[in-house]
PDB file of all heavy atoms in Angstrom:
ATOM      1  N   GLN A   1     138.659   2.871  21.862  1.00  0.00           N
ATOM      2  CA  GLN A   1     140.098   3.153  21.858  1.00  0.00           C
ATOM      3  C   GLN A   1     140.889   2.024  22.494  1.00  0.00           C
ATOM      4  O   GLN A   1     141.990   1.678  22.030  1.00  0.00           O
ATOM      5  CB  GLN A   1     140.374   4.452  22.630  1.00  0.00           C
ATOM      6  CG  GLN A   1     139.948   5.714  21.914  1.00  0.00           C
ATOM      7  CD  GLN A   1     140.279   6.969  22.706  1.00  0.00           C
ATOM      8  OE1 GLN A   1     140.185   8.075  22.189  1.00  0.00           O
ATOM      9  NE2 GLN A   1     140.670   6.832  23.959  1.00  0.00           N
ATOM     10  N   ALA A   2     140.354   1.433  23.551  1.00  0.00           N
ATOM     11  CA  ALA A   2     141.067   0.383  24.275  1.00  0.00           C
ATOM     12  C   ALA A   2     141.010  -0.957  23.565  1.00  0.00           C
ATOM     13  O   ALA A   2     141.745  -1.881  23.941  1.00  0.00           O
ATOM     14  CB  ALA A   2     140.492   0.239  25.683  1.00  0.00           C
ATOM     15  N   ASN A   3     140.151  -1.084  22.553  1.00  0.00           N
ATOM     16  CA  ASN A   3     139.970  -2.357  21.845  1.00  0.00           C
ATOM     17  C   ASN A   3     140.070  -2.122  20.341  1.00  0.00           C
ATOM     18  O   ASN A   3     139.042  -1.964  19.661  1.00  0.00           O
ATOM     19  CB  ASN A   3     138.619  -2.972  22.188  1.00  0.00           C
ATOM     20  CG  ASN A   3     138.476  -3.357  23.645  1.00  0.00           C
ATOM     21  OD1 ASN A   3     138.859  -4.446  24.058  1.00  0.00           O
ATOM     22  ND2 ASN A   3     137.914  -2.446  24.447  1.00  0.00           N
ATOM     23  N   PRO A   4     141.274  -2.080  19.795  1.00  0.00           N
ATOM     24  CA  PRO A   4     141.441  -1.753  18.374  1.00  0.00           C
ATOM     25  C   PRO A   4     140.736  -2.727  17.421  1.00  0.00           C
ATOM     26  O   PRO A   4     140.485  -2.365  16.271  1.00  0.00           O
ATOM     27  CB  PRO A   4     142.965  -1.807  18.175  1.00  0.00           C
ATOM     28  CG  PRO A   4     143.537  -1.631  19.536  1.00  0.00           C
ATOM     29  CD  PRO A   4     142.563  -2.251  20.480  1.00  0.00           C
ATOM     30  N   MET A   5     140.425  -3.937  17.876  1.00  0.00           N
ATOM     31  CA  MET A   5     139.755  -4.910  17.022  1.00  0.00           C
ATOM     32  C   MET A   5     138.238  -4.947  17.266  1.00  0.00           C
ATOM     33  O   MET A   5     137.567  -5.870  16.839  1.00  0.00           O
ATOM     34  CB  MET A   5     140.351  -6.300  17.226  1.00  0.00           C
ATOM     35  CG  MET A   5     141.794  -6.414  16.803  1.00  0.00           C
ATOM     36  SD  MET A   5     142.057  -5.870  15.080  1.00  0.00           S
ATOM     37  CE  MET A   5     141.128  -7.111  14.181  1.00  0.00           C
ATOM     38  N   LEU A   6     137.738  -3.945  17.928  1.00  0.00           N
ATOM     39  CA  LEU A   6     136.298  -3.800  18.107  1.00  0.00           C
ATOM     40  C   LEU A   6     135.787  -2.895  16.991  1.00  0.00           C
ATOM     41  O   LEU A   6     136.137  -1.726  16.917  1.00  0.00           O
ATOM     42  CB  LEU A   6     136.002  -3.196  19.483  1.00  0.00           C
ATOM     43  CG  LEU A   6     134.534  -3.054  19.913  1.00  0.00           C
ATOM     44  CD1 LEU A   6     133.781  -4.366  19.796  1.00  0.00           C
ATOM     45  CD2 LEU A   6     134.462  -2.516  21.340  1.00  0.00           C
ATOM     46  N   GLY A   7     134.948  -3.448  16.123  1.00  0.00           N
ATOM     47  CA  GLY A   7     134.499  -2.712  14.939  1.00  0.00           C
ATOM     48  C   GLY A   7     133.250  -1.901  15.167  1.00  0.00           C
ATOM     49  O   GLY A   7     133.114  -0.789  14.645  1.00  0.00           O
ATOM     50  N   ILE A   8     132.294  -2.462  15.918  1.00  0.00           N
ATOM     51  CA  ILE A   8     131.042  -1.766  16.218  1.00  0.00           C
ATOM     52  C   ILE A   8     130.725  -1.990  17.684  1.00  0.00           C
ATOM     53  O   ILE A   8     130.742  -3.130  18.163  1.00  0.00           O
ATOM     54  CB  ILE A   8     129.871  -2.274  15.348  1.00  0.00           C
ATOM     55  CG1 ILE A   8     130.150  -2.067  13.856  1.00  0.00           C
ATOM     56  CG2 ILE A   8     128.570  -1.573  15.736  1.00  0.00           C
ATOM     57  CD1 ILE A   8     129.066  -2.631  12.935  1.00  0.00           C
ATOM     58  N   LEU A   9     130.427  -0.915  18.384  1.00  0.00           N
ATOM     59  CA  LEU A   9     129.996  -0.994  19.775  1.00  0.00           C
ATOM     60  C   LEU A   9     128.613  -0.367  19.874  1.00  0.00           C
ATOM     61  O   LEU A   9     128.454   0.843  19.716  1.00  0.00           O
ATOM     62  CB  LEU A   9     130.973  -0.285  20.705  1.00  0.00           C
ATOM     63  CG  LEU A   9     130.604  -0.287  22.192  1.00  0.00           C
ATOM     64  CD1 LEU A   9     130.429  -1.705  22.726  1.00  0.00           C
ATOM     65  CD2 LEU A   9     131.640   0.467  23.012  1.00  0.00           C
ATOM     66  N   GLN A  10     127.622  -1.200  20.128  1.00  0.00           N
ATOM     67  CA  GLN A  10     126.231  -0.765  20.207  1.00  0.00           C
ATOM     68  C   GLN A  10     125.852  -0.509  21.658  1.00  0.00           C
ATOM     69  O   GLN A  10     126.072  -1.350  22.525  1.00  0.00           O
ATOM     70  CB  GLN A  10     125.310  -1.853  19.623  1.00  0.00           C
ATOM     71  CG  GLN A  10     123.833  -1.584  19.767  1.00  0.00           C
ATOM     72  CD  GLN A  10     123.382  -0.414  18.939  1.00  0.00           C
ATOM     73  OE1 GLN A  10     123.516  -0.402  17.725  1.00  0.00           O
ATOM     74  NE2 GLN A  10     122.843   0.611  19.593  1.00  0.00           N
ATOM     75  N   SER A  11     125.282   0.659  21.928  1.00  0.00           N
ATOM     76  CA  SER A  11     124.776   0.930  23.268  1.00  0.00           C
ATOM     77  C   SER A  11     123.379   0.336  23.416  1.00  0.00           C
ATOM     78  O   SER A  11     122.677   0.097  22.435  1.00  0.00           O
ATOM     79  CB  SER A  11     124.738   2.435  23.532  1.00  0.00           C
ATOM     80  OG  SER A  11     123.800   3.073  22.665  1.00  0.00           O
ATOM     81  N   LEU A  12     122.985   0.092  24.648  1.00  0.00           N
ATOM     82  CA  LEU A  12     121.631  -0.371  24.942  1.00  0.00           C
ATOM     83  C   LEU A  12     120.723   0.856  24.968  1.00  0.00           C
ATOM     84  O   LEU A  12     120.841   1.704  25.845  1.00  0.00           O
ATOM     85  CB  LEU A  12     121.600  -1.100  26.285  1.00  0.00           C
ATOM     86  CG  LEU A  12     120.254  -1.690  26.715  1.00  0.00           C
ATOM     87  CD1 LEU A  12     119.751  -2.709  25.697  1.00  0.00           C
ATOM     88  CD2 LEU A  12     120.372  -2.345  28.082  1.00  0.00           C
ATOM     89  N   VAL A  13     119.828   0.948  23.996  1.00  0.00           N
ATOM     90  CA  VAL A  13     119.012   2.143  23.800  1.00  0.00           C
ATOM     91  C   VAL A  13     117.693   1.997  24.556  1.00  0.00           C
ATOM     92  O   VAL A  13     117.046   0.948  24.501  1.00  0.00           O
ATOM     93  CB  VAL A  13     118.728   2.372  22.304  1.00  0.00           C
ATOM     94  CG1 VAL A  13     118.105   3.743  22.085  1.00  0.00           C
ATOM     95  CG2 VAL A  13     120.004   2.239  21.486  1.00  0.00           C
ATOM     96  N   VAL A  14     117.291   3.050  25.257  1.00  0.00           N
ATOM     97  CA  VAL A  14     116.015   3.050  25.977  1.00  0.00           C
ATOM     98  C   VAL A  14     115.188   4.248  25.517  1.00  0.00           C
ATOM     99  O   VAL A  14     115.712   5.204  24.941  1.00  0.00           O
ATOM    100  CB  VAL A  14     116.206   3.086  27.507  1.00  0.00           C
ATOM    101  CG1 VAL A  14     116.961   1.859  27.980  1.00  0.00           C
ATOM    102  CG2 VAL A  14     116.938   4.354  27.935  1.00  0.00           C
ATOM    103  N   GLY A  15     113.883   4.175  25.771  1.00  0.00           N
ATOM    104  CA  GLY A  15     112.981   5.213  25.322  1.00  0.00           C
ATOM    105  C   GLY A  15     113.018   6.441  26.215  1.00  0.00           C
ATOM    106  O   GLY A  15     113.168   6.347  27.432  1.00  0.00           O
ATOM    107  N   MET A  16     112.870   7.602  25.600  1.00  0.00           N
ATOM    108  CA  MET A  16     112.780   8.855  26.360  1.00  0.00           C
ATOM    109  C   MET A  16     111.402   8.958  27.024  1.00  0.00           C
ATOM    110  O   MET A  16     110.434   8.363  26.560  1.00  0.00           O
ATOM    111  CB  MET A  16     112.931  10.052  25.429  1.00  0.00           C
ATOM    112  CG  MET A  16     114.251  10.186  24.742  1.00  0.00           C
ATOM    113  SD  MET A  16     114.220  11.706  23.769  1.00  0.00           S
ATOM    114  CE  MET A  16     115.570  11.361  22.633  1.00  0.00           C
ATOM    115  N   PRO A  17     111.298   9.739  28.084  1.00  0.00           N
ATOM    116  CA  PRO A  17     109.968  10.062  28.621  1.00  0.00           C
ATOM    117  C   PRO A  17     109.096  10.647  27.514  1.00  0.00           C
ATOM    118  O   PRO A  17     109.564  11.427  26.683  1.00  0.00           O
ATOM    119  CB  PRO A  17     110.276  11.097  29.705  1.00  0.00           C
ATOM    120  CG  PRO A  17     111.681  10.784  30.123  1.00  0.00           C
ATOM    121  CD  PRO A  17     112.379  10.335  28.888  1.00  0.00           C
ATOM    122  N   SER A  18     107.833  10.250  27.507  1.00  0.00           N
ATOM    123  CA  SER A  18     106.959  10.631  26.400  1.00  0.00           C
ATOM    124  C   SER A  18     105.617  11.137  26.906  1.00  0.00           C
ATOM    125  O   SER A  18     105.107  10.683  27.935  1.00  0.00           O
ATOM    126  CB  SER A  18     106.730   9.424  25.477  1.00  0.00           C
ATOM    127  OG  SER A  18     105.813   9.734  24.450  1.00  0.00           O
ATOM    128  N   ARG A  19     105.020  12.067  26.138  1.00  0.00           N
ATOM    129  CA  ARG A  19     103.673  12.540  26.414  1.00  0.00           C
ATOM    130  C   ARG A  19     102.621  11.553  25.894  1.00  0.00           C
ATOM    131  O   ARG A  19     101.463  11.647  26.270  1.00  0.00           O
ATOM    132  CB  ARG A  19     103.457  13.901  25.750  1.00  0.00           C
ATOM    133  CG  ARG A  19     104.218  15.047  26.382  1.00  0.00           C
ATOM    134  CD  ARG A  19     104.045  16.297  25.527  1.00  0.00           C
ATOM    135  NE  ARG A  19     104.542  17.496  26.194  1.00  0.00           N
ATOM    136  CZ  ARG A  19     104.597  18.682  25.601  1.00  0.00           C
ATOM    137  NH1 ARG A  19     104.185  18.818  24.366  1.00  0.00           N
ATOM    138  NH2 ARG A  19     105.049  19.729  26.255  1.00  0.00           N
ATOM    139  N   SER A  20     103.031  10.697  24.968  1.00  0.00           N
ATOM    140  CA  SER A  20     102.106   9.757  24.345  1.00  0.00           C
ATOM    141  C   SER A  20     101.845   8.568  25.259  1.00  0.00           C
ATOM    142  O   SER A  20     102.785   7.947  25.761  1.00  0.00           O
ATOM    143  CB  SER A  20     102.693   9.267  23.013  1.00  0.00           C
ATOM    144  OG  SER A  20     102.122   8.037  22.620  1.00  0.00           O
ATOM    145  N   ALA A  21     100.569   8.227  25.456  1.00  0.00           N
ATOM    146  CA  ALA A  21     100.234   7.054  26.268  1.00  0.00           C
ATOM    147  C   ALA A  21     100.775   5.790  25.620  1.00  0.00           C
ATOM    148  O   ALA A  21     101.320   4.913  26.302  1.00  0.00           O
ATOM    149  CB  ALA A  21      98.722   6.961  26.454  1.00  0.00           C
ATOM    150  N   PHE A  22     100.646   5.689  24.296  1.00  0.00           N
ATOM    151  CA  PHE A  22     101.122   4.488  23.600  1.00  0.00           C
ATOM    152  C   PHE A  22     102.619   4.309  23.805  1.00  0.00           C
ATOM    153  O   PHE A  22     103.085   3.229  24.211  1.00  0.00           O
ATOM    154  CB  PHE A  22     100.801   4.578  22.107  1.00  0.00           C
ATOM    155  CG  PHE A  22     101.223   3.361  21.326  1.00  0.00           C
ATOM    156  CD1 PHE A  22     100.344   2.312  21.128  1.00  0.00           C
ATOM    157  CD2 PHE A  22     102.502   3.260  20.800  1.00  0.00           C
ATOM    158  CE1 PHE A  22     100.731   1.190  20.426  1.00  0.00           C
ATOM    159  CE2 PHE A  22     102.911   2.147  20.094  1.00  0.00           C
ATOM    160  CZ  PHE A  22     102.018   1.098  19.901  1.00  0.00           C
ATOM    161  N   ALA A  23     103.397   5.350  23.501  1.00  0.00           N
ATOM    162  CA  ALA A  23     104.850   5.249  23.643  1.00  0.00           C
ATOM    163  C   ALA A  23     105.245   5.004  25.086  1.00  0.00           C
ATOM    164  O   ALA A  23     106.151   4.214  25.379  1.00  0.00           O
ATOM    165  CB  ALA A  23     105.519   6.515  23.113  1.00  0.00           C
ATOM    166  N   ARG A  24     104.567   5.666  26.000  1.00  0.00           N
ATOM    167  CA  ARG A  24     104.892   5.551  27.417  1.00  0.00           C
ATOM    168  C   ARG A  24     104.738   4.110  27.911  1.00  0.00           C
ATOM    169  O   ARG A  24     105.626   3.557  28.561  1.00  0.00           O
ATOM    170  CB  ARG A  24     103.982   6.494  28.195  1.00  0.00           C
ATOM    171  CG  ARG A  24     104.233   6.564  29.678  1.00  0.00           C
ATOM    172  CD  ARG A  24     103.201   7.459  30.354  1.00  0.00           C
ATOM    173  NE  ARG A  24     103.527   7.659  31.751  1.00  0.00           N
ATOM    174  CZ  ARG A  24     104.314   8.607  32.203  1.00  0.00           C
ATOM    175  NH1 ARG A  24     104.857   9.461  31.365  1.00  0.00           N
ATOM    176  NH2 ARG A  24     104.582   8.716  33.502  1.00  0.00           N
ATOM    177  N   ILE A  25     103.604   3.501  27.599  1.00  0.00           N
ATOM    178  CA  ILE A  25     103.347   2.137  28.068  1.00  0.00           C
ATOM    179  C   ILE A  25     104.245   1.149  27.337  1.00  0.00           C
ATOM    180  O   ILE A  25     104.826   0.240  27.945  1.00  0.00           O
ATOM    181  CB  ILE A  25     101.868   1.774  27.880  1.00  0.00           C
ATOM    182  CG1 ILE A  25     100.976   2.751  28.645  1.00  0.00           C
ATOM    183  CG2 ILE A  25     101.600   0.351  28.366  1.00  0.00           C
ATOM    184  CD1 ILE A  25      99.492   2.609  28.332  1.00  0.00           C
ATOM    185  N   PHE A  26     104.377   1.337  26.020  1.00  0.00           N
ATOM    186  CA  PHE A  26     105.195   0.407  25.235  1.00  0.00           C
ATOM    187  C   PHE A  26     106.638   0.386  25.720  1.00  0.00           C
ATOM    188  O   PHE A  26     107.224  -0.679  25.927  1.00  0.00           O
ATOM    189  CB  PHE A  26     105.141   0.778  23.753  1.00  0.00           C
ATOM    190  CG  PHE A  26     106.119   0.009  22.909  1.00  0.00           C
ATOM    191  CD1 PHE A  26     105.847  -1.292  22.530  1.00  0.00           C
ATOM    192  CD2 PHE A  26     107.335   0.572  22.531  1.00  0.00           C
ATOM    193  CE1 PHE A  26     106.765  -2.020  21.774  1.00  0.00           C
ATOM    194  CE2 PHE A  26     108.249  -0.134  21.780  1.00  0.00           C
ATOM    195  CZ  PHE A  26     107.965  -1.435  21.399  1.00  0.00           C
ATOM    196  N   GLN A  27     107.237   1.562  25.890  1.00  0.00           N
ATOM    197  CA  GLN A  27     108.656   1.571  26.246  1.00  0.00           C
ATOM    198  C   GLN A  27     108.898   1.146  27.691  1.00  0.00           C
ATOM    199  O   GLN A  27     109.988   0.666  28.019  1.00  0.00           O
ATOM    200  CB  GLN A  27     109.274   2.933  25.962  1.00  0.00           C
ATOM    201  CG  GLN A  27     108.740   4.094  26.766  1.00  0.00           C
ATOM    202  CD  GLN A  27     109.109   5.429  26.124  1.00  0.00           C
ATOM    203  OE1 GLN A  27     109.270   5.555  24.909  1.00  0.00           O
ATOM    204  NE2 GLN A  27     109.264   6.456  26.937  1.00  0.00           N
ATOM    205  N   PHE A  28     107.892   1.281  28.561  1.00  0.00           N
ATOM    206  CA  PHE A  28     108.020   0.747  29.915  1.00  0.00           C
ATOM    207  C   PHE A  28     108.210  -0.766  29.853  1.00  0.00           C
ATOM    208  O   PHE A  28     109.113  -1.330  30.483  1.00  0.00           O
ATOM    209  CB  PHE A  28     106.772   1.102  30.728  1.00  0.00           C
ATOM    210  CG  PHE A  28     106.805   0.610  32.157  1.00  0.00           C
ATOM    211  CD1 PHE A  28     107.430   1.355  33.136  1.00  0.00           C
ATOM    212  CD2 PHE A  28     106.204  -0.587  32.515  1.00  0.00           C
ATOM    213  CE1 PHE A  28     107.468   0.911  34.466  1.00  0.00           C
ATOM    214  CE2 PHE A  28     106.228  -1.037  33.831  1.00  0.00           C
ATOM    215  CZ  PHE A  28     106.862  -0.291  34.801  1.00  0.00           C
ATOM    216  N   GLY A  29     107.373  -1.456  29.060  1.00  0.00           N
ATOM    217  CA  GLY A  29     107.519  -2.899  28.915  1.00  0.00           C
ATOM    218  C   GLY A  29     108.764  -3.283  28.141  1.00  0.00           C
ATOM    219  O   GLY A  29     109.457  -4.241  28.491  1.00  0.00           O
ATOM    220  N   MET A  30     109.058  -2.525  27.096  1.00  0.00           N
ATOM    221  CA  MET A  30     110.227  -2.825  26.270  1.00  0.00           C
ATOM    222  C   MET A  30     111.513  -2.694  27.075  1.00  0.00           C
ATOM    223  O   MET A  30     112.434  -3.498  26.938  1.00  0.00           O
ATOM    224  CB  MET A  30     110.258  -1.869  25.073  1.00  0.00           C
ATOM    225  CG  MET A  30     111.381  -2.123  24.097  1.00  0.00           C
ATOM    226  SD  MET A  30     111.103  -3.658  23.181  1.00  0.00           S
ATOM    227  CE  MET A  30     112.470  -3.588  22.018  1.00  0.00           C
ATOM    228  N   ARG A  31     111.551  -1.690  27.930  1.00  0.00           N
ATOM    229  CA  ARG A  31     112.762  -1.470  28.727  1.00  0.00           C
ATOM    230  C   ARG A  31     113.019  -2.650  29.646  1.00  0.00           C
ATOM    231  O   ARG A  31     114.147  -3.132  29.755  1.00  0.00           O
ATOM    232  CB  ARG A  31     112.618  -0.188  29.534  1.00  0.00           C
ATOM    233  CG  ARG A  31     113.853   0.180  30.330  1.00  0.00           C
ATOM    234  CD  ARG A  31     113.831   1.637  30.691  1.00  0.00           C
ATOM    235  NE  ARG A  31     115.016   2.058  31.391  1.00  0.00           N
ATOM    236  CZ  ARG A  31     115.360   3.335  31.567  1.00  0.00           C
ATOM    237  NH1 ARG A  31     114.603   4.301  31.058  1.00  0.00           N
ATOM    238  NH2 ARG A  31     116.455   3.665  32.225  1.00  0.00           N
ATOM    239  N   HIS A  32     111.972  -3.123  30.309  1.00  0.00           N
ATOM    240  CA  HIS A  32     112.152  -4.278  31.183  1.00  0.00           C
ATOM    241  C   HIS A  32     112.444  -5.532  30.369  1.00  0.00           C
ATOM    242  O   HIS A  32     113.234  -6.393  30.792  1.00  0.00           O
ATOM    243  CB  HIS A  32     110.918  -4.464  32.053  1.00  0.00           C
ATOM    244  CG  HIS A  32     110.700  -3.345  33.019  1.00  0.00           C
ATOM    245  ND1 HIS A  32     111.675  -2.935  33.906  1.00  0.00           N
ATOM    246  CD2 HIS A  32     109.645  -2.532  33.236  1.00  0.00           C
ATOM    247  CE1 HIS A  32     111.226  -1.923  34.621  1.00  0.00           C
ATOM    248  NE2 HIS A  32     109.990  -1.651  34.234  1.00  0.00           N
ATOM    249  N   GLY A  33     111.810  -5.655  29.207  1.00  0.00           N
ATOM    250  CA  GLY A  33     112.061  -6.817  28.369  1.00  0.00           C
ATOM    251  C   GLY A  33     113.486  -6.900  27.865  1.00  0.00           C
ATOM    252  O   GLY A  33     114.011  -7.992  27.622  1.00  0.00           O
ATOM    253  N   MET A  34     114.137  -5.740  27.701  1.00  0.00           N
ATOM    254  CA  MET A  34     115.493  -5.725  27.157  1.00  0.00           C
ATOM    255  C   MET A  34     116.569  -5.961  28.203  1.00  0.00           C
ATOM    256  O   MET A  34     117.691  -6.348  27.863  1.00  0.00           O
ATOM    257  CB  MET A  34     115.752  -4.387  26.466  1.00  0.00           C
ATOM    258  CG  MET A  34     114.993  -4.183  25.174  1.00  0.00           C
ATOM    259  SD  MET A  34     115.545  -5.286  23.867  1.00  0.00           S
ATOM    260  CE  MET A  34     117.143  -4.570  23.465  1.00  0.00           C
ATOM    261  N   ARG A  35     116.272  -5.730  29.455  1.00  0.00           N
ATOM    262  CA  ARG A  35     117.318  -5.751  30.491  1.00  0.00           C
ATOM    263  C   ARG A  35     117.994  -7.116  30.576  1.00  0.00           C
ATOM    264  O   ARG A  35     119.186  -7.278  30.292  1.00  0.00           O
ATOM    265  CB  ARG A  35     116.721  -5.375  31.846  1.00  0.00           C
ATOM    266  CG  ARG A  35     116.210  -3.957  31.934  1.00  0.00           C
ATOM    267  CD  ARG A  35     115.411  -3.729  33.199  1.00  0.00           C
ATOM    268  NE  ARG A  35     116.252  -3.684  34.384  1.00  0.00           N
ATOM    269  CZ  ARG A  35     116.701  -2.579  34.931  1.00  0.00           C
ATOM    270  NH1 ARG A  35     116.400  -1.421  34.390  1.00  0.00           N
ATOM    271  NH2 ARG A  35     117.436  -2.612  36.020  1.00  0.00           N
ATOM    272  N   SER A  36     117.265  -8.108  31.012  1.00  0.00           N
ATOM    273  CA  SER A  36     117.846  -9.447  31.165  1.00  0.00           C
ATOM    274  C   SER A  36     118.081 -10.105  29.817  1.00  0.00           C
ATOM    275  O   SER A  36     119.059 -10.844  29.638  1.00  0.00           O
ATOM    276  CB  SER A  36     116.924 -10.322  32.029  1.00  0.00           C
ATOM    277  OG  SER A  36     116.825  -9.799  33.327  1.00  0.00           O
ATOM    278  N   TYR A  37     117.186  -9.849  28.853  1.00  0.00           N
ATOM    279  CA  TYR A  37     117.318 -10.470  27.528  1.00  0.00           C
ATOM    280  C   TYR A  37     118.659 -10.118  26.890  1.00  0.00           C
ATOM    281  O   TYR A  37     119.375 -11.001  26.395  1.00  0.00           O
ATOM    282  CB  TYR A  37     116.164 -10.008  26.635  1.00  0.00           C
ATOM    283  CG  TYR A  37     116.183 -10.596  25.245  1.00  0.00           C
ATOM    284  CD1 TYR A  37     115.392 -11.690  24.939  1.00  0.00           C
ATOM    285  CD2 TYR A  37     116.988 -10.062  24.231  1.00  0.00           C
ATOM    286  CE1 TYR A  37     115.399 -12.246  23.660  1.00  0.00           C
ATOM    287  CE2 TYR A  37     117.009 -10.602  22.964  1.00  0.00           C
ATOM    288  CZ  TYR A  37     116.209 -11.694  22.682  1.00  0.00           C
ATOM    289  OH  TYR A  37     116.226 -12.243  21.422  1.00  0.00           O
ATOM    290  N   THR A  38     119.013  -8.842  26.884  1.00  0.00           N
ATOM    291  CA  THR A  38     120.255  -8.426  26.241  1.00  0.00           C
ATOM    292  C   THR A  38     121.466  -8.981  26.965  1.00  0.00           C
ATOM    293  O   THR A  38     122.458  -9.378  26.327  1.00  0.00           O
ATOM    294  CB  THR A  38     120.328  -6.895  26.180  1.00  0.00           C
ATOM    295  OG1 THR A  38     119.161  -6.400  25.518  1.00  0.00           O
ATOM    296  CG2 THR A  38     121.554  -6.432  25.424  1.00  0.00           C
ATOM    297  N   MET A  39     121.411  -9.019  28.290  1.00  0.00           N
ATOM    298  CA  MET A  39     122.526  -9.584  29.046  1.00  0.00           C
ATOM    299  C   MET A  39     122.692 -11.062  28.709  1.00  0.00           C
ATOM    300  O   MET A  39     123.821 -11.540  28.468  1.00  0.00           O
ATOM    301  CB  MET A  39     122.294  -9.404  30.540  1.00  0.00           C
ATOM    302  CG  MET A  39     123.464  -9.846  31.414  1.00  0.00           C
ATOM    303  SD  MET A  39     124.938  -8.825  31.207  1.00  0.00           S
ATOM    304  CE  MET A  39     124.429  -7.332  32.072  1.00  0.00           C
ATOM    305  N   GLY A  40     121.588 -11.801  28.684  1.00  0.00           N
ATOM    306  CA  GLY A  40     121.664 -13.219  28.370  1.00  0.00           C
ATOM    307  C   GLY A  40     122.136 -13.478  26.957  1.00  0.00           C
ATOM    308  O   GLY A  40     122.973 -14.354  26.712  1.00  0.00           O
ATOM    309  N   ALA A  41     121.616 -12.716  26.002  1.00  0.00           N
ATOM    310  CA  ALA A  41     122.021 -12.896  24.612  1.00  0.00           C
ATOM    311  C   ALA A  41     123.494 -12.555  24.414  1.00  0.00           C
ATOM    312  O   ALA A  41     124.212 -13.237  23.662  1.00  0.00           O
ATOM    313  CB  ALA A  41     121.149 -12.041  23.703  1.00  0.00           C
ATOM    314  N   SER A  42     123.969 -11.508  25.094  1.00  0.00           N
ATOM    315  CA  SER A  42     125.371 -11.110  24.952  1.00  0.00           C
ATOM    316  C   SER A  42     126.314 -12.157  25.528  1.00  0.00           C
ATOM    317  O   SER A  42     127.458 -12.285  25.079  1.00  0.00           O
ATOM    318  CB  SER A  42     125.606  -9.771  25.659  1.00  0.00           C
ATOM    319  OG  SER A  42     124.790  -8.763  25.115  1.00  0.00           O
ATOM    320  N   TRP A  43     125.852 -12.899  26.524  1.00  0.00           N
ATOM    321  CA  TRP A  43     126.686 -13.922  27.164  1.00  0.00           C
ATOM    322  C   TRP A  43     127.139 -14.976  26.167  1.00  0.00           C
ATOM    323  O   TRP A  43     128.280 -15.450  26.231  1.00  0.00           O
ATOM    324  CB  TRP A  43     125.893 -14.560  28.295  1.00  0.00           C
ATOM    325  CG  TRP A  43     126.587 -15.653  29.041  1.00  0.00           C
ATOM    326  CD1 TRP A  43     127.579 -15.520  29.964  1.00  0.00           C
ATOM    327  CD2 TRP A  43     126.329 -17.065  28.938  1.00  0.00           C
ATOM    328  NE1 TRP A  43     127.955 -16.748  30.445  1.00  0.00           N
ATOM    329  CE2 TRP A  43     127.198 -17.723  29.834  1.00  0.00           C
ATOM    330  CE3 TRP A  43     125.436 -17.823  28.186  1.00  0.00           C
ATOM    331  CZ2 TRP A  43     127.205 -19.098  29.988  1.00  0.00           C
ATOM    332  CZ3 TRP A  43     125.437 -19.195  28.332  1.00  0.00           C
ATOM    333  CH2 TRP A  43     126.320 -19.825  29.229  1.00  0.00           C
ATOM    334  N   TRP A  44     126.253 -15.344  25.233  1.00  0.00           N
ATOM    335  CA  TRP A  44     126.640 -16.399  24.283  1.00  0.00           C
ATOM    336  C   TRP A  44     126.913 -15.880  22.866  1.00  0.00           C
ATOM    337  O   TRP A  44     127.661 -16.506  22.110  1.00  0.00           O
ATOM    338  CB  TRP A  44     125.584 -17.499  24.226  1.00  0.00           C
ATOM    339  CG  TRP A  44     124.195 -17.059  23.847  1.00  0.00           C
ATOM    340  CD1 TRP A  44     123.222 -16.642  24.682  1.00  0.00           C
ATOM    341  CD2 TRP A  44     123.645 -17.020  22.524  1.00  0.00           C
ATOM    342  NE1 TRP A  44     122.086 -16.323  23.969  1.00  0.00           N
ATOM    343  CE2 TRP A  44     122.315 -16.554  22.651  1.00  0.00           C
ATOM    344  CE3 TRP A  44     124.141 -17.336  21.263  1.00  0.00           C
ATOM    345  CZ2 TRP A  44     121.479 -16.390  21.548  1.00  0.00           C
ATOM    346  CZ3 TRP A  44     123.312 -17.172  20.161  1.00  0.00           C
ATOM    347  CH2 TRP A  44     121.993 -16.708  20.306  1.00  0.00           C
ATOM    348  N   ALA A  45     126.345 -14.709  22.497  1.00  0.00           N
ATOM    349  CA  ALA A  45     126.636 -14.158  21.171  1.00  0.00           C
ATOM    350  C   ALA A  45     128.059 -13.614  21.128  1.00  0.00           C
ATOM    351  O   ALA A  45     128.746 -13.714  20.107  1.00  0.00           O
ATOM    352  CB  ALA A  45     125.630 -13.065  20.823  1.00  0.00           C
TER     353      ALA A  45
END
């Protein structure tokens, strides 16, 4: 609402708690991998 020329606003998506060992371990690493990466990429993109 505050930015009428903003067409798409993407949230930073993280994994839900999971019963699956695969999903649990994968999203733990993915979550940490996305934190600084997304901030850095957004700085210049």
